[in-house]
Amino acid sequence: MKNTIDENTADLIADALVDEGYIIFDTLISENIIDGLCSRAQGLKDDELTEAQIGRGSEEHLAQKIRSDKTHWIDGSGEAEEAFLAWGDSLREAINRRLYMGLYDYETHFALYEKGAFYQKHVDAFKGRSNRKLTTVVYLNPDWKEDDGGEMLIYSEDGSEVIKKVQPRKGVVVIFLSEKFPHEVLISNCARYSIAGWFRVNENF
């Protein structure tokens, strides 16, 4: 499985992060990895999924009025997960070489939005209060249609206007600065699968 970022693509991502703060690809990760991730996501059993929560550590709590997805953390179990984490590590190294962001590790999970599930407008990191610096979203919905819902809205930094509406089609990848863009997931009208991930800096330094 091809699981590395080529130099030209890395340059494109770095330039976009500097100029716009985000970038969206129709395809970025090799199809065989995406196919494997689709199979893994759709094969997750109920006892492998956890009701999504808000916050971290002692602040973590269920918040079904804010979000109603279910998650499963990716730990490298199986070929597809292992290849995806290797892809993430390749992206981390490429961005660090170009932008000196000090990205240290990558936490990532599958997300299942069942019919009626959503995630209200939020930011992934508050400035000065989180070690999450760069967000990735990968979509795993082979047969997504417009009336299936579940689109992600990306807002301007002040949250006043929608600047992008992202369709959750299989293979689409979104990368953006975690502190900069409020975003939300609209109500899904059928099962919707994705992977959310965050590159973090080491708070111990």
Protein backbone atom coordinates (compact mmCIF):
# COMPACT_ATOMS: atom_id res chain seq x y z
CA MET A 1 0.00 0.00 0.00
CA LYS A 2 1.34 3.43 -0.92
CA ASN A 3 1.28 5.41 2.30
CA THR A 4 3.57 8.40 1.84
CA ILE A 5 3.11 12.02 0.75
CA ASP A 6 5.10 12.95 -2.36
CA GLU A 7 7.16 16.14 -2.36
CA ASN A 8 4.96 18.10 -4.79
CA THR A 9 1.83 17.32 -2.81
CA ALA A 10 3.57 18.26 0.43
CA ASP A 11 4.55 21.60 -1.09
CA LEU A 12 0.95 22.18 -2.18
CA ILE A 13 -0.40 21.43 1.30
CA ALA A 14 2.16 23.63 3.04
CA ASP A 15 1.51 26.56 0.68
CA ALA A 16 -2.26 26.25 1.19
CA LEU A 17 -1.92 26.18 4.99
CA VAL A 18 0.14 29.36 4.86
CA ASP A 19 -2.12 31.17 2.37
CA GLU A 20 -5.61 29.91 3.27
CA GLY A 21 -5.27 27.80 6.38
CA TYR A 22 -6.94 24.77 4.77
CA ILE A 23 -6.95 22.54 1.70
CA ILE A 24 -9.43 19.98 0.31
CA PHE A 25 -8.53 17.03 -1.93
CA ASP A 26 -10.93 14.87 -3.91
CA THR A 27 -8.28 12.14 -3.70
CA LEU A 28 -5.07 12.12 -1.69
CA ILE A 29 -4.70 8.71 -0.04
CA SER A 30 -4.24 5.66 -2.27
CA GLU A 31 -7.43 3.86 -3.21
CA ASN A 32 -6.42 0.53 -1.70
CA ILE A 33 -5.88 2.18 1.71
CA ILE A 34 -9.22 3.98 1.45
CA ASP A 35 -10.96 0.72 0.48
CA GLY A 36 -9.43 -1.01 3.47
CA LEU A 37 -10.48 1.79 5.79
CA CYS A 38 -14.03 1.72 4.39
CA SER A 39 -14.26 -2.00 5.11
CA ARG A 40 -12.86 -1.54 8.61
CA ALA A 41 -15.22 1.34 9.44
CA GLN A 42 -18.31 -0.42 8.16
CA GLY A 43 -17.33 -3.61 9.96
CA LEU A 44 -17.04 -2.03 13.42
CA LYS A 45 -19.29 -3.74 15.93
CA ASP A 46 -21.43 -2.00 18.53
CA ASP A 47 -19.06 -2.92 21.34
CA GLU A 48 -16.15 -1.32 19.44
CA LEU A 49 -17.91 2.06 19.21
CA THR A 50 -18.16 4.68 21.94
CA GLU A 51 -20.61 7.56 22.27
CA ALA A 52 -18.69 10.70 21.31
CA GLN A 53 -17.63 13.02 24.11
CA ILE A 54 -16.54 16.63 24.51
CA GLY A 55 -13.29 17.71 26.14
CA ARG A 56 -10.26 15.76 27.29
CA GLY A 57 -9.24 13.98 30.47
CA SER A 58 -11.18 15.13 33.52
CA GLU A 59 -13.17 17.58 31.37
CA GLU A 60 -14.46 14.82 29.09
CA HIS A 61 -18.22 14.38 29.17
CA LEU A 62 -21.07 13.22 27.00
CA ALA A 63 -22.78 16.05 25.16
CA GLN A 64 -25.50 14.66 22.94
CA LYS A 65 -27.00 18.10 22.33
CA ILE A 66 -23.71 19.13 20.73
CA ARG A 67 -22.70 15.93 18.94
CA SER A 68 -24.23 12.51 18.46
CA ASP A 69 -21.62 10.50 16.55
CA LYS A 70 -19.87 7.34 17.72
CA THR A 71 -16.12 6.80 17.58
CA HIS A 72 -13.43 4.15 17.54
CA TRP A 73 -9.80 5.15 18.07
CA ILE A 74 -7.30 3.98 15.44
CA ASP A 75 -4.35 2.13 16.95
CA GLY A 76 -2.79 0.44 13.92
CA SER A 77 -4.71 -2.82 14.23
CA GLY A 78 -4.80 -4.40 10.77
CA GLU A 79 -3.16 -3.51 7.49
CA ALA A 80 -5.41 -0.57 6.57
CA GLU A 81 -5.07 1.16 9.96
CA GLU A 82 -1.31 0.61 9.95
CA ALA A 83 -1.00 2.06 6.43
CA PHE A 84 -3.16 5.04 7.37
CA LEU A 85 -1.04 5.84 10.42
CA ALA A 86 2.08 5.59 8.25
CA TRP A 87 0.47 8.05 5.83
CA GLY A 88 -0.22 10.39 8.74
CA ASP A 89 3.38 10.14 9.92
CA SER A 90 4.57 10.94 6.41
CA LEU A 91 2.34 14.03 6.33
CA ARG A 92 3.54 15.11 9.78
CA GLU A 93 7.19 14.91 8.75
CA ALA A 94 6.55 16.72 5.46
CA ILE A 95 4.74 19.61 7.14
CA ASN A 96 7.38 19.91 9.85
CA ARG A 97 10.13 20.14 7.25
CA ARG A 98 8.34 22.97 5.48
CA LEU A 99 6.54 24.92 8.20
CA TYR A 100 8.42 24.00 11.40
CA MET A 101 5.14 23.43 13.23
CA GLY A 102 6.65 21.00 15.71
CA LEU A 103 3.95 18.39 15.10
CA TYR A 104 4.73 15.53 17.45
CA ASP A 105 2.07 12.84 17.14
CA TYR A 106 -1.24 12.00 15.52
CA GLU A 107 -4.44 10.97 17.31
CA THR A 108 -7.22 9.75 15.08
CA HIS A 109 -10.49 7.84 15.18
CA PHE A 110 -13.23 6.46 12.99
CA ALA A 111 -16.51 8.38 13.32
CA LEU A 112 -19.92 6.91 12.61
CA TYR A 113 -22.84 9.29 12.16
CA GLU A 114 -25.99 7.20 12.22
CA LYS A 115 -29.22 8.52 10.71
CA GLY A 116 -30.09 11.76 12.50
CA ALA A 117 -26.60 12.28 13.95
CA PHE A 118 -24.81 15.65 13.79
CA TYR A 119 -22.05 17.78 15.33
CA GLN A 120 -22.81 21.42 16.03
CA LYS A 121 -20.45 24.27 15.18
CA HIS A 122 -17.20 23.98 17.13
CA VAL A 123 -13.45 24.44 16.93
CA ASP A 124 -10.99 21.60 17.47
CA ALA A 125 -8.60 23.71 19.54
CA PHE A 126 -8.91 26.98 21.43
CA LYS A 127 -5.96 29.31 20.94
CA GLY A 128 -3.42 28.89 23.70
CA ARG A 129 -5.39 26.08 25.37
CA SER A 130 -4.76 22.95 23.30
CA ASN A 131 -1.92 21.01 21.74
CA ARG A 132 -3.97 20.17 18.64
CA LYS A 133 -2.55 22.17 15.74
CA LEU A 134 -3.59 20.52 12.47
CA THR A 135 -6.85 18.67 11.75
CA THR A 136 -7.49 16.05 9.09
CA VAL A 137 -10.82 14.59 7.98
CA VAL A 138 -11.06 11.61 5.62
CA TYR A 139 -14.42 10.48 4.21
CA LEU A 140 -15.37 6.84 3.67
CA ASN A 141 -18.77 6.89 1.94
CA PRO A 142 -18.64 5.13 -1.46
CA ASP A 143 -22.24 5.78 -2.50
CA TRP A 144 -22.89 9.19 -0.94
CA LYS A 145 -25.69 11.20 -2.59
CA GLU A 146 -26.60 14.82 -1.98
CA ASP A 147 -29.82 14.00 -0.13
CA ASP A 148 -27.86 11.75 2.27
CA GLY A 149 -26.82 14.88 4.19
CA GLY A 150 -23.90 14.84 6.62
CA GLU A 151 -21.91 17.58 4.85
CA MET A 152 -19.25 19.48 6.79
CA LEU A 153 -19.55 23.26 6.86
CA ILE A 154 -16.31 25.19 7.32
CA TYR A 155 -16.78 28.73 8.65
CA SER A 156 -14.68 31.85 8.46
CA GLU A 157 -12.40 32.37 11.44
CA ASP A 158 -14.93 34.59 13.20
CA GLY A 159 -17.70 32.06 12.53
CA SER A 160 -19.86 34.55 10.66
CA GLU A 161 -20.09 32.83 7.27
CA VAL A 162 -19.73 29.47 5.60
CA ILE A 163 -16.68 29.41 3.34
CA LYS A 164 -16.84 25.74 2.26
CA LYS A 165 -19.44 22.97 2.19
CA VAL A 166 -17.68 19.62 1.95
CA GLN A 167 -19.49 16.58 0.60
CA PRO A 168 -18.50 13.43 2.54
CA ARG A 169 -17.68 11.35 -0.53
CA LYS A 170 -15.28 8.43 -0.38
CA GLY A 171 -11.63 9.52 -0.57
CA VAL A 172 -12.16 13.25 0.07
CA VAL A 173 -9.55 14.61 2.50
CA VAL A 174 -9.71 17.94 4.34
CA ILE A 175 -6.71 19.43 6.16
CA PHE A 176 -6.96 22.64 8.19
CA LEU A 177 -5.44 24.57 11.08
CA SER A 178 -7.21 23.34 14.20
CA GLU A 179 -7.44 26.70 15.99
CA LYS A 180 -8.59 28.72 13.00
CA PHE A 181 -11.82 27.31 11.58
CA PRO A 182 -15.13 26.65 13.30
CA HIS A 183 -16.93 23.81 11.53
CA GLU A 184 -19.96 21.58 11.90
CA VAL A 185 -21.45 18.37 10.55
CA LEU A 186 -25.00 18.65 9.25
CA ILE A 187 -27.60 16.02 10.14
CA SER A 188 -26.93 12.76 8.36
CA ASN A 189 -29.84 11.02 6.69
CA CYS A 190 -28.08 7.65 6.58
CA ALA A 191 -25.01 5.98 8.07
CA ARG A 192 -21.99 8.23 7.41
CA TYR A 193 -18.39 7.18 7.98
CA SER A 194 -15.26 9.28 8.32
CA ILE A 195 -11.91 9.52 10.07
CA ALA A 196 -11.08 12.56 12.19
CA GLY A 197 -7.48 13.19 13.17
CA TRP A 198 -5.34 15.79 14.92
CA PHE A 199 -1.64 16.41 14.78
CA ARG A 200 -0.43 17.60 18.16
CA VAL A 201 2.64 19.30 19.59
CA ASN A 202 4.43 17.98 22.65
CA GLU A 203 3.24 19.94 25.68
CA ASN A 204 6.25 18.78 27.69
CA PHE A 205 8.63 21.05 25.80
